[in-house]
Protein backbone atom coordinates (compact mmCIF):
# COMPACT_ATOMS: atom_id res chain seq x y z
CA MET A 1 -30.74 -29.87 -6.34
CA LYS A 2 -28.91 -27.38 -4.22
CA GLN A 3 -31.73 -24.80 -4.90
CA TRP A 4 -34.34 -27.23 -3.42
CA VAL A 5 -32.23 -28.07 -0.43
CA SER A 6 -31.93 -24.20 0.18
CA ALA A 7 -35.59 -23.63 -0.13
CA ILE A 8 -36.35 -26.30 2.45
CA ALA A 9 -33.85 -25.02 4.99
CA LEU A 10 -35.31 -21.43 4.68
CA ALA A 11 -38.90 -22.87 5.00
CA ALA A 12 -37.95 -24.58 8.10
CA LEU A 13 -36.15 -21.44 9.42
CA PHE A 14 -39.19 -19.13 8.94
CA GLY A 15 -41.79 -21.91 9.84
CA LEU A 16 -43.15 -22.12 6.39
CA ALA A 17 -44.84 -25.43 5.55
CA LEU A 18 -44.29 -26.58 2.07
CA PRO A 19 -46.27 -29.23 0.25
CA VAL A 20 -44.50 -32.61 0.11
CA SER A 21 -44.68 -32.58 -3.66
CA GLU A 22 -42.96 -29.23 -3.66
CA ALA A 23 -40.51 -30.05 -0.83
CA ILE A 24 -39.17 -33.29 -2.37
CA PRO A 25 -37.80 -33.23 -5.62
CA PRO A 26 -39.53 -35.49 -8.23
CA GLN A 27 -36.44 -37.59 -8.51
CA THR A 28 -36.65 -38.80 -4.82
CA GLN A 29 -40.47 -39.32 -4.78
CA GLN A 30 -41.49 -43.09 -4.46
CA SER A 31 -44.45 -44.28 -6.38
CA SER A 32 -46.74 -46.64 -4.74
CA PRO A 33 -49.77 -48.42 -6.27
CA PRO A 34 -53.15 -46.94 -5.55
CA ASN A 35 -55.25 -48.38 -2.74
CA ALA A 36 -52.24 -50.36 -1.17
CA PRO A 37 -52.90 -51.49 2.38
CA VAL A 38 -50.80 -50.11 5.18
CA PRO A 39 -49.05 -53.01 7.16
CA ASN A 40 -49.69 -53.04 10.90
CA ALA A 41 -46.98 -52.55 13.35
CA PRO A 42 -45.84 -55.53 15.57
CA THR A 43 -47.77 -56.14 18.69
CA PRO A 44 -45.60 -55.15 21.73
CA GLN A 45 -44.86 -58.17 24.00
CA GLU A 46 -43.80 -58.15 27.59
CA ALA A 47 -40.08 -59.17 28.12
CA GLN A 48 -39.88 -62.85 29.51
CA PRO A 49 -37.72 -63.14 32.76
CA LEU A 50 -34.62 -65.37 32.76
CA PRO A 51 -35.23 -68.97 33.96
CA GLY A 52 -34.53 -69.18 37.64
CA ALA A 53 -34.31 -65.40 38.26
CA GLU A 54 -37.84 -64.49 39.48
CA GLY A 55 -36.62 -61.85 41.95
CA PRO A 56 -34.12 -59.00 41.75
CA ILE A 57 -30.50 -59.81 40.57
CA ILE A 58 -27.86 -58.87 43.25
CA PRO A 59 -24.30 -58.63 41.84
CA GLY A 60 -22.15 -61.44 43.23
CA LYS A 61 -25.17 -63.28 44.76
CA GLY A 62 -27.30 -63.96 41.71
CA ALA A 63 -31.16 -63.80 41.73
CA ALA A 64 -33.08 -63.53 45.02
CA ALA A 65 -36.58 -64.39 45.75
CA PRO A 66 -38.99 -61.36 45.55
CA ALA A 67 -39.94 -59.78 48.84
CA ALA A 68 -43.06 -60.71 50.46
CA PRO A 69 -45.61 -57.86 50.79
CA GLN A 70 -46.23 -56.73 54.47
CA GLY A 71 -48.93 -58.35 56.34
CA SER A 72 -48.58 -61.64 54.54
CA SER A 73 -46.74 -64.67 55.99
CA THR A 74 -46.01 -66.39 52.63
CA SER A 75 -45.67 -65.22 49.11
CA THR A 76 -45.90 -67.04 45.88
CA PRO A 77 -43.67 -65.95 43.06
CA ALA A 78 -45.56 -64.76 39.95
CA THR A 79 -45.68 -67.24 37.26
CA PRO A 80 -44.46 -65.60 34.07
CA ALA A 81 -47.09 -65.56 31.18
CA PRO A 82 -46.30 -68.28 28.65
CA ALA A 83 -44.75 -67.08 25.46
CA PRO A 84 -47.18 -67.19 22.48
CA PRO A 85 -46.56 -70.14 20.27
CA PRO A 86 -44.54 -69.25 17.08
CA PRO A 87 -46.59 -68.95 14.01
CA ALA A 88 -46.80 -72.10 11.94
CA SER A 89 -44.46 -72.19 8.98
CA THR A 90 -46.00 -73.00 5.62
CA GLN A 91 -42.66 -73.99 4.03
CA PRO A 92 -41.59 -77.69 4.18
CA PRO A 93 -38.99 -78.51 6.78
CA ALA A 94 -35.55 -78.89 5.63
CA GLN A 95 -33.93 -82.43 5.34
CA GLN A 96 -32.04 -82.98 8.61
CA LYS A 97 -28.79 -84.94 8.86
CA ASP A 98 -28.27 -87.95 11.00
CA GLN A 99 -27.31 -87.01 14.54
CA VAL A 100 -24.28 -88.89 15.93
CA GLN A 101 -24.33 -89.38 19.85
CA THR A 102 -20.90 -88.51 21.18
CA THR A 103 -21.35 -88.92 24.93
CA PRO A 104 -22.43 -92.13 26.52
CA PRO A 105 -25.76 -92.18 28.51
CA GLU A 106 -25.77 -92.00 32.23
CA GLU A 107 -26.11 -95.28 34.08
CA GLY A 108 -29.59 -95.88 35.45
CA SER A 109 -31.23 -93.73 32.83
CA GLY A 110 -32.62 -96.80 31.04
CA ALA A 111 -30.67 -95.99 27.84
CA LEU A 112 -27.59 -97.91 28.76
CA THR A 113 -27.89 -101.69 27.99
CA ARG A 114 -25.44 -104.30 29.47
CA PHE A 115 -24.62 -107.12 27.06
CA VAL A 116 -23.36 -110.30 28.80
CA VAL A 117 -21.51 -112.74 26.39
CA ASN A 118 -20.25 -116.00 27.95
CA VAL A 119 -17.18 -116.95 26.50
CA ASN A 120 -15.22 -120.00 27.76
CA PHE A 121 -11.69 -118.57 27.34
CA VAL A 122 -8.82 -120.59 28.75
CA GLU A 123 -5.34 -119.21 29.38
CA VAL A 124 -2.29 -121.59 29.56
CA PRO A 125 1.09 -120.36 30.54
CA VAL A 126 3.74 -122.61 29.03
CA THR A 127 7.58 -122.98 29.84
CA VAL A 128 9.80 -124.93 27.34
CA LYS A 129 13.19 -126.20 28.38
CA ASP A 130 16.04 -128.10 26.56
CA SER A 131 17.74 -131.20 27.64
CA LYS A 132 20.05 -129.10 29.89
CA GLY A 133 17.19 -127.21 31.64
CA ASN A 134 17.67 -123.95 29.89
CA PRO A 135 14.68 -121.99 28.74
CA VAL A 136 14.04 -122.25 24.98
CA ALA A 137 13.03 -118.91 23.14
CA GLY A 138 11.96 -118.19 19.64
CA LEU A 139 9.04 -120.50 19.31
CA THR A 140 5.87 -119.52 17.34
CA PHE A 141 2.31 -120.40 17.54
CA ARG A 142 2.78 -122.97 14.86
CA ASP A 143 5.02 -124.93 17.11
CA PHE A 144 2.43 -125.51 19.82
CA GLN A 145 -0.62 -127.77 19.93
CA VAL A 146 -3.26 -127.72 22.84
CA TYR A 147 -5.52 -130.50 23.61
CA GLU A 148 -8.36 -130.34 26.07
CA ASN A 149 -10.04 -133.53 27.01
CA GLY A 150 -8.27 -135.21 24.14
CA ARG A 151 -9.54 -132.70 21.60
CA ARG A 152 -7.34 -130.21 19.76
CA GLU A 153 -8.15 -126.53 20.35
CA PRO A 154 -7.15 -123.74 17.78
CA LEU A 155 -5.16 -121.05 19.47
CA SER A 156 -6.91 -117.70 19.76
CA VAL A 157 -4.03 -115.86 21.68
CA PHE A 158 -0.33 -116.32 21.48
CA SER A 159 1.97 -114.02 23.50
CA VAL A 160 5.58 -113.93 24.64
CA ASP A 161 5.24 -110.54 26.41
CA PRO A 162 6.44 -110.65 30.05
CA GLU A 163 3.80 -110.06 32.62
CA PRO A 164 3.97 -108.60 36.28
CA LEU A 165 4.12 -111.06 38.95
CA SER A 166 1.96 -111.35 42.19
CA VAL A 167 4.07 -113.54 44.38
CA ALA A 168 3.19 -114.93 47.77
CA PHE A 169 6.17 -116.24 49.69
CA VAL A 170 5.71 -119.19 51.99
CA ILE A 171 8.76 -119.83 54.31
CA ASP A 172 9.03 -123.04 56.45
CA GLN A 173 9.93 -122.21 59.97
CA SER A 174 10.02 -125.74 61.20
CA LEU A 175 13.19 -126.52 59.33
CA PRO A 176 16.22 -127.86 61.38
CA SER A 177 18.18 -125.10 62.95
CA ASN A 178 21.26 -125.38 60.61
CA ILE A 179 18.99 -125.27 57.32
CA MET A 180 16.91 -122.37 58.89
CA GLU A 181 20.05 -120.32 59.24
CA LYS A 182 20.92 -120.82 55.45
CA VAL A 183 17.26 -119.70 54.51
CA ASN A 184 17.56 -116.75 56.77
CA ASP A 185 20.83 -115.82 55.04
CA SER A 186 19.28 -116.00 51.66
CA LEU A 187 16.08 -113.90 52.10
CA GLY A 188 17.87 -110.70 51.34
CA ALA A 189 18.13 -111.95 47.78
CA ILE A 190 14.36 -112.17 47.19
CA GLN A 191 13.91 -108.52 46.46
CA GLY A 192 16.72 -108.58 43.79
CA ALA A 193 14.81 -111.19 41.81
CA LEU A 194 11.67 -108.99 41.38
CA THR A 195 11.00 -105.73 39.46
CA ALA A 196 9.35 -102.59 40.17
CA TYR A 197 6.17 -103.79 38.44
CA ASP A 198 5.75 -106.93 40.80
CA GLU A 199 4.24 -107.28 44.23
CA ALA A 200 4.93 -109.64 47.07
CA ALA A 201 3.21 -110.97 50.21
CA LEU A 202 4.84 -113.00 52.94
CA PHE A 203 3.57 -116.12 54.80
CA THR A 204 5.29 -118.47 57.32
CA TYR A 205 4.27 -121.68 58.86
CA SER A 206 5.27 -124.19 61.50
CA ASN A 207 2.39 -125.25 63.68
CA GLY A 208 -0.03 -123.12 61.83
CA SER A 209 0.32 -120.44 59.15
CA LYS A 210 0.85 -116.72 59.73
CA GLU A 211 0.58 -113.71 57.36
CA TRP A 212 3.28 -111.12 57.92
CA THR A 213 2.24 -108.71 55.17
CA GLY A 214 -0.30 -108.44 52.35
CA PHE A 215 0.68 -107.50 48.80
CA THR A 216 3.09 -104.70 48.79
CA GLY A 217 5.36 -103.29 46.09
CA ALA A 218 8.33 -105.63 45.40
CA GLN A 219 10.81 -102.76 45.49
CA SER A 220 9.35 -100.96 48.44
CA ALA A 221 11.17 -100.68 51.85
CA ARG A 222 8.52 -102.71 53.53
CA LEU A 223 9.38 -106.09 52.01
CA PRO A 224 13.03 -106.30 53.36
CA ALA A 225 11.84 -105.14 56.65
CA VAL A 226 9.13 -107.74 56.91
CA LEU A 227 11.73 -110.50 55.67
CA SER A 228 14.09 -109.43 58.45
CA LEU A 229 11.24 -109.84 61.07
CA ALA A 230 10.15 -113.22 59.81
CA GLN A 231 13.37 -114.92 60.46
CA ALA A 232 13.20 -117.83 62.83
CA VAL A 233 15.57 -120.10 64.82
CA GLY A 234 14.09 -123.37 63.52
CA SER A 235 13.89 -126.60 65.42
CA ASP A 236 16.30 -129.02 66.87
CA PRO A 237 14.85 -132.57 66.68
CA MET A 238 16.10 -135.03 69.05
CA VAL A 239 16.29 -138.85 68.84
CA PRO A 240 13.49 -140.06 71.08
CA ILE A 241 13.93 -143.25 73.15
CA ASN A 242 10.65 -145.17 73.30
CA THR A 243 11.91 -148.52 74.77
CA GLY A 244 14.22 -149.91 77.19
CA PRO A 245 15.35 -148.96 80.59
CA LEU A 246 15.96 -145.39 79.54
CA ALA A 247 12.41 -144.99 77.93
CA GLY A 248 10.89 -143.80 81.15
CA CYS A 249 10.94 -140.16 82.38
CA PRO A 250 14.04 -139.55 84.19
CA VAL A 251 13.04 -136.20 85.77
CA TYR A 252 9.73 -135.33 87.18
CA VAL A 253 8.43 -131.82 88.01
CA ASN A 254 5.28 -131.50 90.21
CA GLY A 255 4.34 -134.98 89.21
CA ASN A 256 4.78 -134.48 85.50
CA CYS A 257 7.66 -135.42 83.21
CA ALA A 258 9.93 -132.47 82.56
CA ASP A 259 10.14 -133.45 78.85
CA PRO A 260 6.50 -133.54 77.74
CA ASN A 261 7.62 -135.54 74.60
CA ILE A 262 8.12 -138.63 76.78
CA GLN A 263 5.29 -137.91 79.27
CA PRO A 264 3.75 -141.31 80.13
CA GLY A 265 0.03 -141.80 79.65
CA ARG A 266 -2.54 -141.19 76.96
CA SER A 267 -0.99 -140.65 73.50
CA ALA A 268 2.47 -140.89 74.71
CA GLY A 269 2.01 -144.43 76.24
CA ASN A 270 3.24 -145.65 79.48
CA GLN A 271 6.40 -146.58 81.39
CA THR A 272 7.05 -149.64 79.22
CA PHE A 273 6.23 -148.23 75.89
CA ILE A 274 6.26 -144.48 74.71
CA THR A 275 4.70 -143.32 71.51
CA ILE A 276 6.86 -140.95 69.68
CA PRO A 277 4.98 -137.75 69.11
CA LYS A 278 4.47 -136.65 65.34
CA GLU A 279 6.16 -133.55 63.92
CA ILE A 280 3.75 -130.69 62.86
CA HIS A 281 4.39 -129.19 59.48
CA THR A 282 1.23 -127.25 58.31
CA LEU A 283 2.27 -126.73 54.64
CA ASN A 284 -1.26 -127.28 53.17
CA ASP A 285 -2.77 -124.70 55.43
CA ALA A 286 -0.03 -122.22 54.46
CA ILE A 287 -0.39 -122.67 50.99
CA LEU A 288 -4.14 -122.29 51.12
CA ALA A 289 -3.84 -119.08 53.09
CA ALA A 290 -1.68 -117.68 50.45
CA ALA A 291 -3.86 -118.91 47.59
CA LYS A 292 -6.83 -117.04 49.24
CA GLU A 293 -4.84 -113.85 49.25
CA LEU A 294 -3.63 -114.39 45.65
CA SER A 295 -7.27 -114.96 44.24
CA THR A 296 -8.06 -111.35 44.92
CA ARG A 297 -5.50 -110.08 42.62
CA PRO A 298 -6.68 -108.37 39.40
CA LYS A 299 -6.42 -110.04 35.87
CA GLY A 300 -3.30 -109.47 33.81
CA ARG A 301 -0.96 -110.60 36.61
CA LEU A 302 0.59 -113.82 37.11
CA ARG A 303 -0.36 -115.46 40.33
CA ILE A 304 2.52 -117.43 42.05
CA ILE A 305 3.06 -119.11 45.20
CA TYR A 306 6.88 -119.47 45.91
CA VAL A 307 7.51 -122.08 48.83
CA VAL A 308 10.96 -122.39 50.50
CA SER A 309 10.72 -125.69 52.45
CA ASP A 310 11.74 -129.22 52.82
CA GLY A 311 8.31 -130.46 51.70
CA LYS A 312 7.21 -132.22 55.01
CA GLU A 313 3.56 -132.03 55.74
CA TYR A 314 1.56 -133.13 58.79
CA GLY A 315 -1.16 -131.64 60.95
CA SER A 316 -2.89 -129.32 58.29
CA LYS A 317 -6.61 -128.98 58.47
CA ALA A 318 -7.01 -128.99 54.62
CA THR A 319 -5.82 -131.86 52.41
CA TRP A 320 -3.51 -131.49 49.60
CA ARG A 321 -6.29 -132.40 47.12
CA GLU A 322 -8.55 -129.64 48.24
CA VAL A 323 -5.86 -127.25 48.21
CA VAL A 324 -4.74 -128.33 44.60
CA ARG A 325 -8.30 -127.87 43.39
CA TYR A 326 -8.50 -124.39 44.68
CA LEU A 327 -5.14 -123.49 43.04
CA GLN A 328 -6.39 -124.91 39.67
CA THR A 329 -9.74 -123.07 39.96
CA ASN A 330 -8.00 -119.71 40.52
CA LYS A 331 -5.11 -120.00 38.09
CA ILE A 332 -2.43 -120.11 40.74
CA ALA A 333 0.95 -121.74 40.07
CA VAL A 334 3.25 -123.14 42.80
CA TYR A 335 6.98 -122.89 42.40
CA ALA A 336 9.47 -123.98 45.23
CA THR A 337 12.98 -124.14 46.35
CA LEU A 338 13.57 -127.62 48.15
CA VAL A 339 15.94 -127.51 51.06
CA GLY A 340 17.01 -129.81 53.79
CA ASP A 341 17.29 -133.58 53.40
CA SER A 342 14.84 -133.77 50.55
CA ALA A 343 17.20 -131.62 48.46
CA ARG A 344 19.92 -134.31 48.42
CA TRP A 345 20.35 -136.30 45.42
CA GLY A 346 18.47 -139.54 45.72
CA GLN A 347 16.94 -138.90 48.89
CA GLY A 348 14.49 -136.42 47.46
CA TRP A 349 12.95 -139.20 45.26
CA ILE A 350 12.77 -141.60 48.15
CA ASP A 351 11.04 -138.93 50.26
CA ARG A 352 8.31 -138.90 47.62
CA LEU A 353 7.11 -142.33 48.73
CA HIS A 354 4.40 -141.93 51.33
CA LEU A 355 3.40 -144.76 53.79
CA PRO A 356 -0.23 -144.65 55.02
CA PHE A 357 -0.79 -143.01 58.53
CA THR A 358 2.60 -141.36 58.45
CA MET A 359 3.92 -137.96 57.56
CA TYR A 360 4.39 -136.73 54.20
CA ASP A 361 8.31 -136.40 53.85
CA ASN A 362 7.93 -134.39 50.51
CA ILE A 363 4.69 -133.24 49.11
CA LEU A 364 5.98 -130.13 47.19
CA TYR A 365 6.50 -131.97 44.01
CA LYS A 366 2.79 -132.66 43.81
CA TYR A 367 1.87 -128.89 43.98
CA THR A 368 4.46 -127.91 41.36
CA ALA A 369 3.47 -130.70 38.96
CA LEU A 370 -0.30 -130.14 39.36
CA THR A 371 -0.35 -126.46 38.86
CA GLY A 372 2.25 -125.79 36.24
CA GLY A 373 5.14 -124.63 38.33
CA ASP A 374 8.59 -125.82 38.80
CA MET A 375 10.88 -126.80 41.74
CA ASP A 376 14.56 -126.24 42.33
CA ALA A 377 16.53 -128.34 44.99
CA GLU A 378 19.48 -126.46 46.71
CA GLY A 379 21.61 -127.14 49.68
CA GLY A 380 23.88 -123.95 50.23
CA VAL A 381 23.15 -120.20 50.63
CA ASN A 382 24.57 -119.48 47.20
CA GLY A 383 22.25 -121.94 45.52
CA ILE A 384 19.18 -120.74 47.39
CA GLU A 385 19.94 -117.20 46.37
CA LYS A 386 20.32 -117.99 42.66
CA SER A 387 17.18 -120.17 42.67
CA TYR A 388 15.14 -117.05 43.48
CA ALA A 389 16.25 -115.27 40.44
CA LYS A 390 16.17 -118.34 38.23
CA ILE A 391 12.63 -119.37 39.11
CA ALA A 392 11.35 -115.70 38.96
CA GLU A 393 12.73 -115.26 35.39
CA GLU A 394 11.30 -118.70 34.37
CA ALA A 395 7.87 -117.57 35.62
CA ARG A 396 7.97 -114.17 34.08
CA TYR A 397 9.25 -115.26 30.40
CA GLN A 398 6.58 -117.75 29.48
CA TYR A 399 4.65 -118.52 26.46
CA THR A 400 1.03 -117.58 26.79
CA LEU A 401 -1.47 -119.68 24.94
CA GLY A 402 -5.22 -118.97 24.87
CA TYR A 403 -8.10 -120.85 23.20
CA LEU A 404 -11.96 -121.08 23.39
CA SER A 405 -13.03 -124.27 25.05
CA HIS A 406 -15.44 -126.51 23.36
CA GLU A 407 -16.93 -127.60 26.65
CA SER A 408 -20.03 -125.98 28.04
CA ILE A 409 -19.59 -123.08 30.43
CA TYR A 410 -22.07 -124.60 32.83
CA ASP A 411 -19.86 -127.70 33.31
CA GLY A 412 -17.73 -127.43 36.38
CA LYS A 413 -15.99 -130.74 35.96
CA TYR A 414 -12.23 -131.15 35.84
CA ARG A 415 -10.75 -130.57 32.18
CA SER A 416 -7.45 -132.07 31.26
CA ILE A 417 -4.93 -129.99 29.23
CA GLU A 418 -2.01 -131.28 27.09
CA VAL A 419 0.49 -129.10 25.40
CA ARG A 420 2.76 -130.31 22.67
CA VAL A 421 5.67 -128.74 20.84
CA ASP A 422 6.64 -129.99 17.41
CA ARG A 423 10.37 -130.13 18.23
CA PRO A 424 12.51 -132.99 19.63
CA ASN A 425 14.21 -133.14 22.88
CA LEU A 426 12.31 -130.42 24.70
CA GLN A 427 10.46 -130.48 28.02
CA VAL A 428 7.09 -128.76 28.17
CA ILE A 429 6.02 -127.45 31.68
CA SER A 430 2.25 -126.38 31.89
CA LYS A 431 -0.71 -127.09 34.09
CA PRO A 432 -2.17 -130.68 33.31
CA GLY A 433 -5.74 -129.40 33.80
CA TYR A 434 -8.08 -126.88 35.55
CA TYR A 435 -11.48 -126.38 37.06
CA PRO A 436 -13.70 -123.63 35.41
CA SER A 437 -14.63 -120.82 37.46
CA ALA A 438 -17.52 -118.22 37.34
CA GLN A 439 -15.05 -115.40 37.60
CA ASP A 440 -13.98 -116.20 34.01
CA TYR A 441 -17.34 -115.42 32.61
CA ARG A 442 -17.82 -111.90 34.21
């Protein structure tokens, strides 16, 4: 082998051409069949440009459009020649596995279908107390029975988890000055009854309602600042004299009585008889304004209106029946701290009696009873402060019952609810009924 390599090297050095059969040893010659066709070389193809890069590529700037030739105003980029189709394969295609889509389709592409399922789900918060008024814990779903329109509904949801509160405080500023002073001193304890997950708004009313702030964090610095600004002096009602020699106006100023409450003529009467003007307490309008603000709060939060008032109502544009229906439709409960004369033992029950064409002396008990809330009557500052924490804790730690109503979702009539507990000597507090809302079916 070494001799053949040396011979080939000498031949290349002196320019001698050796036959192939002599230059390559017989062990390295490849045998080929006779008359074998020689395969053709592949046809050269022109390189295809990158997509979107028709012109020269400039570092840092990307592809640029090709320069237009001189003398022409416009230039059309050359369209690259289409690539020849690949040769058809004669082999059968391999079996492909099922493709699983991992990303959702974009909205508006037509591939995303929206399914709307109308489910008549009803949620009922329930508070259970013993004979001493203390909350009862440790009950299970087996202890509760829910009836709607007299028919028992099987429970679909049972929860004892506390939920964040959305509380709209409504403060009565038409209280007597001595009662108003106690309420002002107790407002600083409101923030201590709430947690960082809660939110609060503030409304006041006297002759009309006023919103001081929308919903803000319960532990923010805004809430105590607004509570201090919302403090009022109250009113000092005097005993009017509408008959007798002292019934007339004793002092006139520019032809008018100095005291407009005993001004003769029109609704006030005349010199012989003076009609006593009625007091204005727009409680219904204030609760309705707070309810409208609460109706915008998201699901998953307990909607509560907390009223601090003596319960008097007169002069509102909205009736209490209209306001109660709005509250029952939007799942809003009313809690209250009753102050003033109506908070006294015995008188609070007498004030619930209403004579036609007269002022409501106490209407708060209707709001709390018809919305599933509760009311606490207090007279001193310490009692008012404790009622804030007591009622907030009662509203937070409730039993939440949920069921699917058998009534039609297209029926907007009132539906009564009765919750029973299979244990003796217990008080069950829940809403007595509701009006279905279209918001529940979204």
